[in-house]
Every structure is written in C-alpha cells, then in structure tokens.
Amino acid sequence: MAKNKKTKIEQFVIDKIKEVRTQKGYSQDDIALFLETTRGFIGQVESPNHSSKYNLNHINKLAVELNCSPKDFLPDFPFQEEV
C-alpha cells in the first residue's frame, strides 16, 4: 500500500478545496486556469500518490476566485502529526 505523501493538514486543505470546487461546479481545468498552472498539476495535488500540494499563494488566489475566505480551507483545530 502506498504511503500518503502529504501531511494530514495538507490533505485536509486539498480535500476542502476539492469539495468547494465541486460544489461550485468548477473543474480541475478551471482551478488550473485560476492558478496559472496546468491541469496535470491540479491532478497531482488531488492525488495522494504525489507530493504536489497547494501553497499559501494558491490558497489565497483560490479564495479570491471561489469567493470565500482562505480560512474556509483550513481546519478549526490543529492536527497532531505522527512522527
């Protein structure tokens, strides 16, 4: 079984962005356009088998495009990462 290459908080943010994007009817192509990147990058971000992830600038830009707060993509409480 492949080990997830993302931390719990990284995966939370990715899942939350994917949830909001699908609720609002946006595709991976739309998100790639907003972030001025490729659909392939968005696919890698959404895949647990790749280490690609969103950075703070991505999160801010997506909040603008999706008409929400960057806080909407973050958990209410911190995650305890296993060492």
N, C-alpha and C. Protein backbone atom coordinates (compact mmCIF):
# COMPACT_ATOMS: atom_id res chain seq x y z
N MET A 1 0.84 -1.18 0.00
CA MET A 1 0.00 0.00 0.00
C MET A 1 0.89 1.24 0.00
N ALA A 2 0.57 2.20 -0.87
CA ALA A 2 1.38 3.41 -0.98
C ALA A 2 1.13 4.33 0.22
N LYS A 3 2.22 4.87 0.71
CA LYS A 3 2.13 5.80 1.83
C LYS A 3 1.72 7.17 1.29
N ASN A 4 0.79 7.83 1.98
CA ASN A 4 0.38 9.15 1.59
C ASN A 4 1.57 10.09 1.69
N LYS A 5 1.83 10.86 0.64
CA LYS A 5 2.98 11.75 0.60
C LYS A 5 2.66 13.14 1.10
N LYS A 6 1.50 13.29 1.72
CA LYS A 6 1.09 14.59 2.23
C LYS A 6 0.79 14.48 3.72
N THR A 7 1.01 15.57 4.45
CA THR A 7 0.66 15.57 5.87
C THR A 7 -0.86 15.65 6.01
N LYS A 8 -1.33 15.43 7.22
CA LYS A 8 -2.77 15.48 7.47
C LYS A 8 -3.36 16.85 7.12
N ILE A 9 -2.67 17.91 7.50
CA ILE A 9 -3.20 19.25 7.22
C ILE A 9 -3.15 19.56 5.72
N GLU A 10 -2.11 19.12 5.04
CA GLU A 10 -2.05 19.32 3.59
C GLU A 10 -3.20 18.61 2.90
N GLN A 11 -3.47 17.37 3.32
CA GLN A 11 -4.56 16.61 2.71
C GLN A 11 -5.91 17.23 3.04
N PHE A 12 -6.06 17.75 4.25
CA PHE A 12 -7.31 18.43 4.63
C PHE A 12 -7.58 19.61 3.71
N VAL A 13 -6.56 20.44 3.50
CA VAL A 13 -6.70 21.62 2.65
C VAL A 13 -7.06 21.21 1.22
N ILE A 14 -6.37 20.22 0.71
CA ILE A 14 -6.64 19.73 -0.65
C ILE A 14 -8.07 19.22 -0.76
N ASP A 15 -8.51 18.42 0.21
CA ASP A 15 -9.87 17.87 0.19
C ASP A 15 -10.91 18.98 0.29
N LYS A 16 -10.63 19.99 1.11
CA LYS A 16 -11.58 21.09 1.28
C LYS A 16 -11.69 21.91 0.00
N ILE A 17 -10.56 22.18 -0.64
CA ILE A 17 -10.59 22.92 -1.91
C ILE A 17 -11.33 22.12 -2.97
N LYS A 18 -11.09 20.82 -3.02
CA LYS A 18 -11.80 19.97 -3.98
C LYS A 18 -13.30 19.98 -3.71
N GLU A 19 -13.67 19.92 -2.44
CA GLU A 19 -15.09 19.94 -2.06
C GLU A 19 -15.76 21.25 -2.52
N VAL A 20 -15.11 22.37 -2.25
CA VAL A 20 -15.67 23.67 -2.64
C VAL A 20 -15.72 23.79 -4.16
N ARG A 21 -14.66 23.34 -4.83
CA ARG A 21 -14.63 23.44 -6.29
C ARG A 21 -15.76 22.63 -6.93
N THR A 22 -16.00 21.42 -6.42
CA THR A 22 -17.07 20.61 -7.00
C THR A 22 -18.45 21.16 -6.64
N GLN A 23 -18.61 21.67 -5.44
CA GLN A 23 -19.89 22.29 -5.06
C GLN A 23 -20.23 23.48 -5.96
N LYS A 24 -19.21 24.21 -6.36
CA LYS A 24 -19.42 25.40 -7.19
C LYS A 24 -19.37 25.06 -8.68
N GLY A 25 -19.16 23.79 -9.00
CA GLY A 25 -19.19 23.35 -10.39
C GLY A 25 -17.93 23.64 -11.20
N TYR A 26 -16.80 23.80 -10.52
CA TYR A 26 -15.54 24.06 -11.22
C TYR A 26 -14.78 22.75 -11.46
N SER A 27 -14.10 22.69 -12.58
CA SER A 27 -13.29 21.52 -12.93
C SER A 27 -11.84 21.75 -12.51
N GLN A 28 -11.04 20.70 -12.63
CA GLN A 28 -9.60 20.85 -12.40
C GLN A 28 -9.01 21.85 -13.39
N ASP A 29 -9.54 21.87 -14.61
CA ASP A 29 -9.08 22.83 -15.61
C ASP A 29 -9.33 24.27 -15.16
N ASP A 30 -10.50 24.51 -14.56
CA ASP A 30 -10.83 25.84 -14.07
C ASP A 30 -9.84 26.27 -12.97
N ILE A 31 -9.56 25.36 -12.04
CA ILE A 31 -8.64 25.67 -10.95
C ILE A 31 -7.24 25.94 -11.52
N ALA A 32 -6.83 25.15 -12.49
CA ALA A 32 -5.53 25.37 -13.13
C ALA A 32 -5.48 26.75 -13.79
N LEU A 33 -6.55 27.15 -14.42
CA LEU A 33 -6.61 28.47 -15.05
C LEU A 33 -6.50 29.57 -13.99
N PHE A 34 -7.24 29.43 -12.89
CA PHE A 34 -7.17 30.42 -11.80
C PHE A 34 -5.75 30.55 -11.27
N LEU A 35 -5.05 29.43 -11.14
CA LEU A 35 -3.72 29.42 -10.54
C LEU A 35 -2.59 29.59 -11.57
N GLU A 36 -2.97 29.72 -12.84
CA GLU A 36 -1.99 29.86 -13.92
C GLU A 36 -1.00 28.70 -13.91
N THR A 37 -1.56 27.50 -13.82
CA THR A 37 -0.76 26.28 -13.82
C THR A 37 -1.43 25.28 -14.76
N THR A 38 -1.07 24.02 -14.69
CA THR A 38 -1.64 23.02 -15.58
C THR A 38 -2.66 22.14 -14.86
N ARG A 39 -3.53 21.53 -15.65
CA ARG A 39 -4.48 20.58 -15.09
C ARG A 39 -3.74 19.40 -14.49
N GLY A 40 -2.61 19.04 -15.09
CA GLY A 40 -1.78 17.95 -14.57
C GLY A 40 -1.32 18.23 -13.15
N PHE A 41 -0.94 19.48 -12.88
CA PHE A 41 -0.53 19.85 -11.52
C PHE A 41 -1.68 19.67 -10.55
N ILE A 42 -2.87 20.12 -10.93
CA ILE A 42 -4.04 20.00 -10.05
C ILE A 42 -4.34 18.52 -9.81
N GLY A 43 -4.22 17.70 -10.85
CA GLY A 43 -4.41 16.26 -10.69
C GLY A 43 -3.41 15.66 -9.72
N GLN A 44 -2.17 16.10 -9.79
CA GLN A 44 -1.15 15.62 -8.86
C GLN A 44 -1.44 16.08 -7.44
N VAL A 45 -1.89 17.32 -7.29
CA VAL A 45 -2.25 17.82 -5.95
C VAL A 45 -3.36 16.97 -5.36
N GLU A 46 -4.37 16.64 -6.16
CA GLU A 46 -5.52 15.90 -5.65
C GLU A 46 -5.24 14.40 -5.50
N SER A 47 -4.11 13.93 -5.98
CA SER A 47 -3.74 12.52 -5.85
C SER A 47 -2.87 12.31 -4.61
N PRO A 48 -3.23 11.33 -3.76
CA PRO A 48 -2.40 11.05 -2.58
C PRO A 48 -1.05 10.43 -2.94
N ASN A 49 -0.89 10.01 -4.18
CA ASN A 49 0.36 9.35 -4.59
C ASN A 49 1.45 10.33 -5.04
N HIS A 50 1.14 11.61 -5.07
CA HIS A 50 2.10 12.63 -5.46
C HIS A 50 2.33 13.59 -4.31
N SER A 51 3.51 14.17 -4.29
CA SER A 51 3.83 15.10 -3.20
C SER A 51 3.42 16.54 -3.50
N SER A 52 2.89 16.80 -4.70
CA SER A 52 2.46 18.16 -5.06
C SER A 52 1.35 18.62 -4.13
N LYS A 53 1.38 19.90 -3.79
CA LYS A 53 0.37 20.46 -2.89
C LYS A 53 0.21 21.95 -3.15
N TYR A 54 -0.86 22.51 -2.60
CA TYR A 54 -1.09 23.95 -2.71
C TYR A 54 -0.21 24.69 -1.72
N ASN A 55 0.25 25.88 -2.11
CA ASN A 55 0.97 26.73 -1.17
C ASN A 55 0.04 27.86 -0.72
N LEU A 56 0.52 28.72 0.15
CA LEU A 56 -0.32 29.80 0.67
C LEU A 56 -0.79 30.75 -0.42
N ASN A 57 0.04 31.00 -1.41
CA ASN A 57 -0.38 31.86 -2.51
C ASN A 57 -1.51 31.22 -3.31
N HIS A 58 -1.43 29.92 -3.54
CA HIS A 58 -2.52 29.20 -4.22
C HIS A 58 -3.81 29.34 -3.42
N ILE A 59 -3.72 29.10 -2.11
CA ILE A 59 -4.90 29.15 -1.25
C ILE A 59 -5.53 30.54 -1.29
N ASN A 60 -4.71 31.57 -1.24
CA ASN A 60 -5.23 32.94 -1.30
C ASN A 60 -5.91 33.22 -2.63
N LYS A 61 -5.25 32.82 -3.72
CA LYS A 61 -5.80 33.06 -5.06
C LYS A 61 -7.12 32.29 -5.24
N LEU A 62 -7.17 31.06 -4.74
CA LEU A 62 -8.41 30.28 -4.86
C LEU A 62 -9.53 30.89 -4.02
N ALA A 63 -9.20 31.44 -2.87
CA ALA A 63 -10.22 32.09 -2.04
C ALA A 63 -10.82 33.28 -2.80
N VAL A 64 -9.99 34.03 -3.49
CA VAL A 64 -10.49 35.15 -4.30
C VAL A 64 -11.41 34.63 -5.40
N GLU A 65 -10.94 33.64 -6.15
CA GLU A 65 -11.70 33.12 -7.29
C GLU A 65 -12.99 32.40 -6.87
N LEU A 66 -12.95 31.72 -5.72
CA LEU A 66 -14.11 30.96 -5.26
C LEU A 66 -14.98 31.77 -4.30
N ASN A 67 -14.62 33.04 -4.13
CA ASN A 67 -15.42 33.98 -3.33
C ASN A 67 -15.63 33.48 -1.90
N CYS A 68 -14.53 33.19 -1.24
CA CYS A 68 -14.59 32.75 0.15
C CYS A 68 -13.33 33.23 0.88
N SER A 69 -13.19 32.84 2.11
CA SER A 69 -12.01 33.21 2.89
C SER A 69 -10.97 32.09 2.81
N PRO A 70 -9.69 32.42 2.85
CA PRO A 70 -8.68 31.37 2.92
C PRO A 70 -8.90 30.47 4.13
N LYS A 71 -9.48 31.02 5.21
CA LYS A 71 -9.76 30.22 6.41
C LYS A 71 -10.75 29.09 6.13
N ASP A 72 -11.57 29.25 5.08
CA ASP A 72 -12.54 28.20 4.75
C ASP A 72 -11.87 26.90 4.32
N PHE A 73 -10.60 26.97 3.96
CA PHE A 73 -9.86 25.78 3.53
C PHE A 73 -9.03 25.16 4.65
N LEU A 74 -9.06 25.76 5.82
CA LEU A 74 -8.23 25.29 6.94
C LEU A 74 -9.09 24.65 8.02
N PRO A 75 -8.51 23.70 8.79
CA PRO A 75 -9.27 23.06 9.87
C PRO A 75 -9.47 24.02 11.04
N ASP A 76 -10.48 23.73 11.85
CA ASP A 76 -10.74 24.54 13.05
C ASP A 76 -9.70 24.30 14.13
N PHE A 77 -9.14 23.09 14.14
CA PHE A 77 -8.17 22.73 15.16
C PHE A 77 -6.94 22.11 14.50
N PRO A 78 -5.79 22.21 15.14
CA PRO A 78 -4.56 21.64 14.56
C PRO A 78 -4.59 20.11 14.56
N PHE A 79 -3.82 19.55 13.64
CA PHE A 79 -3.66 18.09 13.59
C PHE A 79 -2.42 17.70 14.37
N GLN A 80 -2.50 16.59 15.05
CA GLN A 80 -1.33 16.01 15.71
C GLN A 80 -0.72 15.04 14.71
N GLU A 81 0.43 15.40 14.16
CA GLU A 81 1.10 14.54 13.19
C GLU A 81 1.85 13.42 13.91
N GLU A 82 1.78 12.22 13.35
CA GLU A 82 2.53 11.11 13.90
C GLU A 82 3.99 11.24 13.44
N VAL A 83 4.91 10.91 14.32
CA VAL A 83 6.32 11.04 14.00
C VAL A 83 6.86 9.72 13.48
